[in-house]
Amino acid sequence: MLAALAEFERDLISERAKGALAHMKSQGRRVGEVPMGFRLADDGLHPVEDPVEQETLRVIRVLRSSRKTWAQIAEEMNRMGLFTKKGRPFAPNGHPVVVGTKYRRMARKYFDDRRIAHEIVPLAGSVELAAALGLTDVVVDLIETGSTIAANGLEEIETIFPSSATMIVGPAALASRRPEIAALVARLSGKAVPR
């Protein structure tokens, strides 16, 4: 019962935060930090590409595509004299990366396996808001189309692993409830069948 109430409260907080952000945006106010690769335009509201930061991101993508670890990338970026958005040297093993996620064990394993210092911030609801507001450095979340992260000015850095949903039915249920299961499968696949 308490778990259900806690989940309900998290959902309410998430909805209130979304509503407040939408209201601020509707009034033309800037919401969140400007992501790496961009700066604010002269109007103080809209992000425009920052050529220096775009080049830094391009170098990171090239190094990552060559299978370098994040520590090797940080070392190379510092050697090249390229810096983070805040003007600091890249140091994934020196300063912990603040990771917001619902998937704490998976995120911890991912960063531990790569020996990247990190701090996990447990989140629920709209995880992408934490990064958009600058509360975390990165988020680990499920992405279907990428439209939500794009709407929040974020960019997918890396796929940890692909996933899919699978429905499993036991042999007894399949034999005794085949019509109900077929109707459910049809509804889930978007092919509604009449009852």
C-alpha atoms as a PDB file:
ATOM      1  CA  MET A   1       0.000   0.000   0.000  1.00  0.00           C
ATOM      2  CA  LEU A   2       2.777   2.420   0.926  1.00  0.00           C
ATOM      3  CA  ALA A   3       4.614   1.611  -2.287  1.00  0.00           C
ATOM      4  CA  ALA A   4       1.500   2.440  -4.316  1.00  0.00           C
ATOM      5  CA  LEU A   5       1.108   5.755  -2.481  1.00  0.00           C
ATOM      6  CA  ALA A   6       4.782   6.585  -3.024  1.00  0.00           C
ATOM      7  CA  GLU A   7       4.464   5.834  -6.736  1.00  0.00           C
ATOM      8  CA  PHE A   8       1.306   7.974  -6.917  1.00  0.00           C
ATOM      9  CA  GLU A   9       3.133  10.854  -5.186  1.00  0.00           C
ATOM     10  CA  ARG A  10       6.079  10.572  -7.608  1.00  0.00           C
ATOM     11  CA  ASP A  11       3.659  10.686 -10.542  1.00  0.00           C
ATOM     12  CA  LEU A  12       1.951  13.777  -9.100  1.00  0.00           C
ATOM     13  CA  ILE A  13       5.282  15.543  -8.609  1.00  0.00           C
ATOM     14  CA  SER A  14       6.314  14.630 -12.144  1.00  0.00           C
ATOM     15  CA  GLU A  15       3.058  15.990 -13.568  1.00  0.00           C
ATOM     16  CA  ARG A  16       3.386  19.214 -11.541  1.00  0.00           C
ATOM     17  CA  ALA A  17       6.960  19.683 -12.753  1.00  0.00           C
ATOM     18  CA  LYS A  18       5.922  19.097 -16.370  1.00  0.00           C
ATOM     19  CA  GLY A  19       3.042  21.543 -15.967  1.00  0.00           C
ATOM     20  CA  ALA A  20       5.259  24.217 -14.427  1.00  0.00           C
ATOM     21  CA  LEU A  21       7.836  23.840 -17.201  1.00  0.00           C
ATOM     22  CA  ALA A  22       5.147  23.967 -19.892  1.00  0.00           C
ATOM     23  CA  HIS A  23       3.726  27.130 -18.300  1.00  0.00           C
ATOM     24  CA  MET A  24       7.149  28.775 -18.207  1.00  0.00           C
ATOM     25  CA  LYS A  25       7.747  27.834 -21.852  1.00  0.00           C
ATOM     26  CA  SER A  26       4.310  29.195 -22.852  1.00  0.00           C
ATOM     27  CA  GLN A  27       5.295  32.534 -21.318  1.00  0.00           C
ATOM     28  CA  GLY A  28       8.436  32.571 -23.442  1.00  0.00           C
ATOM     29  CA  ARG A  29      10.754  31.962 -20.507  1.00  0.00           C
ATOM     30  CA  ARG A  30      13.904  29.903 -20.904  1.00  0.00           C
ATOM     31  CA  VAL A  31      13.825  26.553 -19.077  1.00  0.00           C
ATOM     32  CA  GLY A  32      16.877  24.463 -18.153  1.00  0.00           C
ATOM     33  CA  GLU A  33      20.500  24.652 -19.104  1.00  0.00           C
ATOM     34  CA  VAL A  34      21.746  25.070 -22.636  1.00  0.00           C
ATOM     35  CA  PRO A  35      23.121  21.693 -23.794  1.00  0.00           C
ATOM     36  CA  MET A  36      26.701  21.152 -24.912  1.00  0.00           C
ATOM     37  CA  GLY A  37      27.121  22.264 -28.501  1.00  0.00           C
ATOM     38  CA  PHE A  38      24.793  25.252 -28.180  1.00  0.00           C
ATOM     39  CA  ARG A  39      24.651  28.746 -26.698  1.00  0.00           C
ATOM     40  CA  LEU A  40      21.769  31.132 -26.207  1.00  0.00           C
ATOM     41  CA  ALA A  41      20.872  33.393 -29.120  1.00  0.00           C
ATOM     42  CA  ASP A  42      20.852  37.160 -28.643  1.00  0.00           C
ATOM     43  CA  ASP A  43      17.189  36.970 -27.580  1.00  0.00           C
ATOM     44  CA  GLY A  44      18.283  35.011 -24.494  1.00  0.00           C
ATOM     45  CA  LEU A  45      15.709  32.301 -25.163  1.00  0.00           C
ATOM     46  CA  HIS A  46      16.592  30.139 -28.128  1.00  0.00           C
ATOM     47  CA  PRO A  47      19.639  27.895 -28.425  1.00  0.00           C
ATOM     48  CA  VAL A  48      21.846  28.262 -31.486  1.00  0.00           C
ATOM     49  CA  GLU A  49      24.784  26.084 -32.436  1.00  0.00           C
ATOM     50  CA  ASP A  50      28.123  27.010 -30.922  1.00  0.00           C
ATOM     51  CA  PRO A  51      30.771  26.102 -33.518  1.00  0.00           C
ATOM     52  CA  VAL A  52      33.528  25.452 -30.949  1.00  0.00           C
ATOM     53  CA  GLU A  53      31.338  23.157 -28.834  1.00  0.00           C
ATOM     54  CA  GLN A  54      29.954  21.425 -31.947  1.00  0.00           C
ATOM     55  CA  GLU A  55      33.545  20.633 -32.940  1.00  0.00           C
ATOM     56  CA  THR A  56      34.225  19.285 -29.438  1.00  0.00           C
ATOM     57  CA  LEU A  57      31.183  16.996 -29.740  1.00  0.00           C
ATOM     58  CA  ARG A  58      32.298  15.877 -33.203  1.00  0.00           C
ATOM     59  CA  VAL A  59      35.728  14.920 -31.808  1.00  0.00           C
ATOM     60  CA  ILE A  60      34.080  12.980 -28.950  1.00  0.00           C
ATOM     61  CA  ARG A  61      31.902  11.054 -31.440  1.00  0.00           C
ATOM     62  CA  VAL A  62      34.901  10.226 -33.624  1.00  0.00           C
ATOM     63  CA  LEU A  63      36.921   9.020 -30.624  1.00  0.00           C
ATOM     64  CA  ARG A  64      33.981   6.982 -29.324  1.00  0.00           C
ATOM     65  CA  SER A  65      33.405   5.396 -32.733  1.00  0.00           C
ATOM     66  CA  SER A  66      37.052   4.298 -32.683  1.00  0.00           C
ATOM     67  CA  ARG A  67      36.169   2.239 -29.560  1.00  0.00           C
ATOM     68  CA  LYS A  68      38.087   4.426 -27.097  1.00  0.00           C
ATOM     69  CA  THR A  69      36.966   4.308 -23.473  1.00  0.00           C
ATOM     70  CA  TRP A  70      35.540   7.409 -21.808  1.00  0.00           C
ATOM     71  CA  ALA A  71      38.760   7.752 -19.788  1.00  0.00           C
ATOM     72  CA  GLN A  72      40.833   7.630 -22.999  1.00  0.00           C
ATOM     73  CA  ILE A  73      38.511  10.169 -24.613  1.00  0.00           C
ATOM     74  CA  ALA A  74      38.875  12.524 -21.628  1.00  0.00           C
ATOM     75  CA  GLU A  75      42.659  12.188 -21.776  1.00  0.00           C
ATOM     76  CA  GLU A  76      42.678  12.908 -25.523  1.00  0.00           C
ATOM     77  CA  MET A  77      40.321  15.889 -25.179  1.00  0.00           C
ATOM     78  CA  ASN A  78      42.517  17.415 -22.485  1.00  0.00           C
ATOM     79  CA  ARG A  79      45.650  16.802 -24.582  1.00  0.00           C
ATOM     80  CA  MET A  80      43.965  18.623 -27.474  1.00  0.00           C
ATOM     81  CA  GLY A  81      43.044  21.576 -25.230  1.00  0.00           C
ATOM     82  CA  LEU A  82      39.271  21.013 -25.548  1.00  0.00           C
ATOM     83  CA  PHE A  83      37.081  21.640 -22.509  1.00  0.00           C
ATOM     84  CA  THR A  84      33.636  20.894 -21.098  1.00  0.00           C
ATOM     85  CA  LYS A  85      30.750  23.351 -21.435  1.00  0.00           C
ATOM     86  CA  LYS A  86      31.736  24.853 -18.085  1.00  0.00           C
ATOM     87  CA  GLY A  87      35.326  25.388 -19.271  1.00  0.00           C
ATOM     88  CA  ARG A  88      36.811  22.611 -17.159  1.00  0.00           C
ATOM     89  CA  PRO A  89      39.075  19.814 -18.334  1.00  0.00           C
ATOM     90  CA  PHE A  90      37.380  16.507 -19.119  1.00  0.00           C
ATOM     91  CA  ALA A  91      37.804  14.209 -16.122  1.00  0.00           C
ATOM     92  CA  PRO A  92      35.323  11.315 -16.041  1.00  0.00           C
ATOM     93  CA  ASN A  93      37.450   9.474 -13.479  1.00  0.00           C
ATOM     94  CA  GLY A  94      38.245  12.529 -11.390  1.00  0.00           C
ATOM     95  CA  HIS A  95      34.822  14.109 -10.919  1.00  0.00           C
ATOM     96  CA  PRO A  96      31.900  11.756 -10.621  1.00  0.00           C
ATOM     97  CA  VAL A  97      29.347  11.877 -13.395  1.00  0.00           C
ATOM     98  CA  VAL A  98      25.930  12.526 -11.846  1.00  0.00           C
ATOM     99  CA  VAL A  99      23.561   9.941 -13.362  1.00  0.00           C
ATOM    100  CA  GLY A 100      19.799  10.234 -13.033  1.00  0.00           C
ATOM    101  CA  THR A 101      17.887   7.013 -13.648  1.00  0.00           C
ATOM    102  CA  LYS A 102      15.077   4.644 -12.726  1.00  0.00           C
ATOM    103  CA  TYR A 103      17.422   1.764 -13.576  1.00  0.00           C
ATOM    104  CA  ARG A 104      20.009   2.061 -10.799  1.00  0.00           C
ATOM    105  CA  ARG A 105      21.594  -1.395 -10.999  1.00  0.00           C
ATOM    106  CA  MET A 106      21.956  -1.302 -14.779  1.00  0.00           C
ATOM    107  CA  ALA A 107      23.433   2.222 -14.708  1.00  0.00           C
ATOM    108  CA  ARG A 108      25.809   1.344 -11.865  1.00  0.00           C
ATOM    109  CA  LYS A 109      27.048  -1.738 -13.722  1.00  0.00           C
ATOM    110  CA  TYR A 110      27.506   0.251 -16.944  1.00  0.00           C
ATOM    111  CA  PHE A 111      29.646   2.938 -15.290  1.00  0.00           C
ATOM    112  CA  ASP A 112      31.483   0.468 -13.010  1.00  0.00           C
ATOM    113  CA  ASP A 113      32.419  -1.734 -15.989  1.00  0.00           C
ATOM    114  CA  ARG A 114      33.960   1.315 -17.687  1.00  0.00           C
ATOM    115  CA  ARG A 115      35.628   2.524 -14.465  1.00  0.00           C
ATOM    116  CA  ILE A 116      33.898   5.885 -14.683  1.00  0.00           C
ATOM    117  CA  ALA A 117      33.422   7.604 -11.326  1.00  0.00           C
ATOM    118  CA  HIS A 118      29.713   8.231 -10.902  1.00  0.00           C
ATOM    119  CA  GLU A 119      26.973   9.130  -8.495  1.00  0.00           C
ATOM    120  CA  ILE A 120      23.561   7.555  -9.099  1.00  0.00           C
ATOM    121  CA  VAL A 121      20.530   9.751  -8.400  1.00  0.00           C
ATOM    122  CA  PRO A 122      17.385   7.596  -8.185  1.00  0.00           C
ATOM    123  CA  LEU A 123      14.562   9.182 -10.171  1.00  0.00           C
ATOM    124  CA  ALA A 124      11.012   8.329 -11.136  1.00  0.00           C
ATOM    125  CA  GLY A 125       8.698   9.858 -13.683  1.00  0.00           C
ATOM    126  CA  SER A 126      10.163  12.176 -16.308  1.00  0.00           C
ATOM    127  CA  VAL A 127      13.846  11.322 -15.945  1.00  0.00           C
ATOM    128  CA  GLU A 128      14.897  13.525 -18.869  1.00  0.00           C
ATOM    129  CA  LEU A 129      13.804  16.624 -16.929  1.00  0.00           C
ATOM    130  CA  ALA A 130      16.673  16.104 -14.475  1.00  0.00           C
ATOM    131  CA  ALA A 131      19.277  16.560 -17.222  1.00  0.00           C
ATOM    132  CA  ALA A 132      17.314  19.307 -18.979  1.00  0.00           C
ATOM    133  CA  LEU A 133      17.223  21.284 -15.725  1.00  0.00           C
ATOM    134  CA  GLY A 134      20.912  20.605 -15.006  1.00  0.00           C
ATOM    135  CA  LEU A 135      20.227  18.483 -11.914  1.00  0.00           C
ATOM    136  CA  THR A 136      22.203  15.578 -13.398  1.00  0.00           C
ATOM    137  CA  ASP A 137      24.973  15.324 -15.983  1.00  0.00           C
ATOM    138  CA  VAL A 138      23.369  12.415 -17.836  1.00  0.00           C
ATOM    139  CA  VAL A 139      20.336  10.156 -17.607  1.00  0.00           C
ATOM    140  CA  VAL A 140      19.944   6.447 -18.258  1.00  0.00           C
ATOM    141  CA  ASP A 141      16.441   5.719 -19.504  1.00  0.00           C
ATOM    142  CA  LEU A 142      14.411   3.780 -22.049  1.00  0.00           C
ATOM    143  CA  ILE A 143      13.998   5.561 -25.373  1.00  0.00           C
ATOM    144  CA  GLU A 144      11.459   4.562 -27.987  1.00  0.00           C
ATOM    145  CA  THR A 145      11.481   7.306 -30.622  1.00  0.00           C
ATOM    146  CA  GLY A 146      13.811   9.925 -29.132  1.00  0.00           C
ATOM    147  CA  SER A 147      11.179  12.671 -29.407  1.00  0.00           C
ATOM    148  CA  THR A 148      11.063  13.308 -25.642  1.00  0.00           C
ATOM    149  CA  ILE A 149      14.819  13.717 -25.314  1.00  0.00           C
ATOM    150  CA  ALA A 150      14.893  15.994 -28.359  1.00  0.00           C
ATOM    151  CA  ALA A 151      12.040  18.085 -26.921  1.00  0.00           C
ATOM    152  CA  ASN A 152      14.140  18.605 -23.787  1.00  0.00           C
ATOM    153  CA  GLY A 153      17.265  19.630 -25.702  1.00  0.00           C
ATOM    154  CA  LEU A 154      19.070  16.357 -24.983  1.00  0.00           C
ATOM    155  CA  GLU A 155      20.912  13.966 -27.253  1.00  0.00           C
ATOM    156  CA  GLU A 156      21.423  10.211 -27.095  1.00  0.00           C
ATOM    157  CA  ILE A 157      25.099   9.514 -26.424  1.00  0.00           C
ATOM    158  CA  GLU A 158      25.176   5.745 -26.408  1.00  0.00           C
ATOM    159  CA  THR A 159      22.832   2.766 -26.393  1.00  0.00           C
ATOM    160  CA  ILE A 160      23.609   0.606 -23.376  1.00  0.00           C
ATOM    161  CA  PHE A 161      21.636  -2.262 -24.856  1.00  0.00           C
ATOM    162  CA  PRO A 162      18.559  -2.725 -27.043  1.00  0.00           C
ATOM    163  CA  SER A 163      15.391  -4.029 -25.444  1.00  0.00           C
ATOM    164  CA  SER A 164      11.990  -5.322 -26.454  1.00  0.00           C
ATOM    165  CA  ALA A 165       8.783  -6.293 -24.716  1.00  0.00           C
ATOM    166  CA  THR A 166       7.809  -9.962 -24.816  1.00  0.00           C
ATOM    167  CA  MET A 167       4.556 -11.533 -23.679  1.00  0.00           C
ATOM    168  CA  ILE A 168       4.935 -15.040 -22.344  1.00  0.00           C
ATOM    169  CA  VAL A 169       1.976 -17.395 -21.920  1.00  0.00           C
ATOM    170  CA  GLY A 170       2.050 -20.727 -20.112  1.00  0.00           C
ATOM    171  CA  PRO A 171       0.816 -23.841 -21.973  1.00  0.00           C
ATOM    172  CA  ALA A 172      -2.162 -24.330 -19.638  1.00  0.00           C
ATOM    173  CA  ALA A 173      -3.384 -20.735 -20.068  1.00  0.00           C
ATOM    174  CA  LEU A 174      -2.870 -20.930 -23.829  1.00  0.00           C
ATOM    175  CA  ALA A 175      -4.988 -24.074 -24.011  1.00  0.00           C
ATOM    176  CA  SER A 176      -7.773 -22.918 -21.689  1.00  0.00           C
ATOM    177  CA  ARG A 177      -7.952 -19.203 -22.581  1.00  0.00           C
ATOM    178  CA  ARG A 178      -6.840 -19.064 -26.223  1.00  0.00           C
ATOM    179  CA  PRO A 179      -9.610 -16.640 -27.394  1.00  0.00           C
ATOM    180  CA  GLU A 180      -8.908 -14.162 -24.567  1.00  0.00           C
ATOM    181  CA  ILE A 181      -5.165 -14.315 -25.214  1.00  0.00           C
ATOM    182  CA  ALA A 182      -5.674 -13.854 -28.963  1.00  0.00           C
ATOM    183  CA  ALA A 183      -7.843 -10.769 -28.293  1.00  0.00           C
ATOM    184  CA  LEU A 184      -5.199  -9.328 -25.960  1.00  0.00           C
ATOM    185  CA  VAL A 185      -2.418  -9.922 -28.485  1.00  0.00           C
ATOM    186  CA  ALA A 186      -4.518  -8.296 -31.217  1.00  0.00           C
ATOM    187  CA  ARG A 187      -5.193  -5.231 -29.026  1.00  0.00           C
ATOM    188  CA  LEU A 188      -1.515  -4.939 -28.082  1.00  0.00           C
ATOM    189  CA  SER A 189      -0.462  -5.128 -31.705  1.00  0.00           C
ATOM    190  CA  GLY A 190      -2.966  -2.438 -32.686  1.00  0.00           C
ATOM    191  CA  LYS A 191      -5.362  -4.783 -34.445  1.00  0.00           C
ATOM    192  CA  ALA A 192      -8.391  -4.441 -32.213  1.00  0.00           C
ATOM    193  CA  VAL A 193     -10.868  -7.274 -32.505  1.00  0.00           C
ATOM    194  CA  PRO A 194     -14.530  -6.992 -31.537  1.00  0.00           C
ATOM    195  CA  ARG A 195     -15.476  -8.560 -28.225  1.00  0.00           C
END
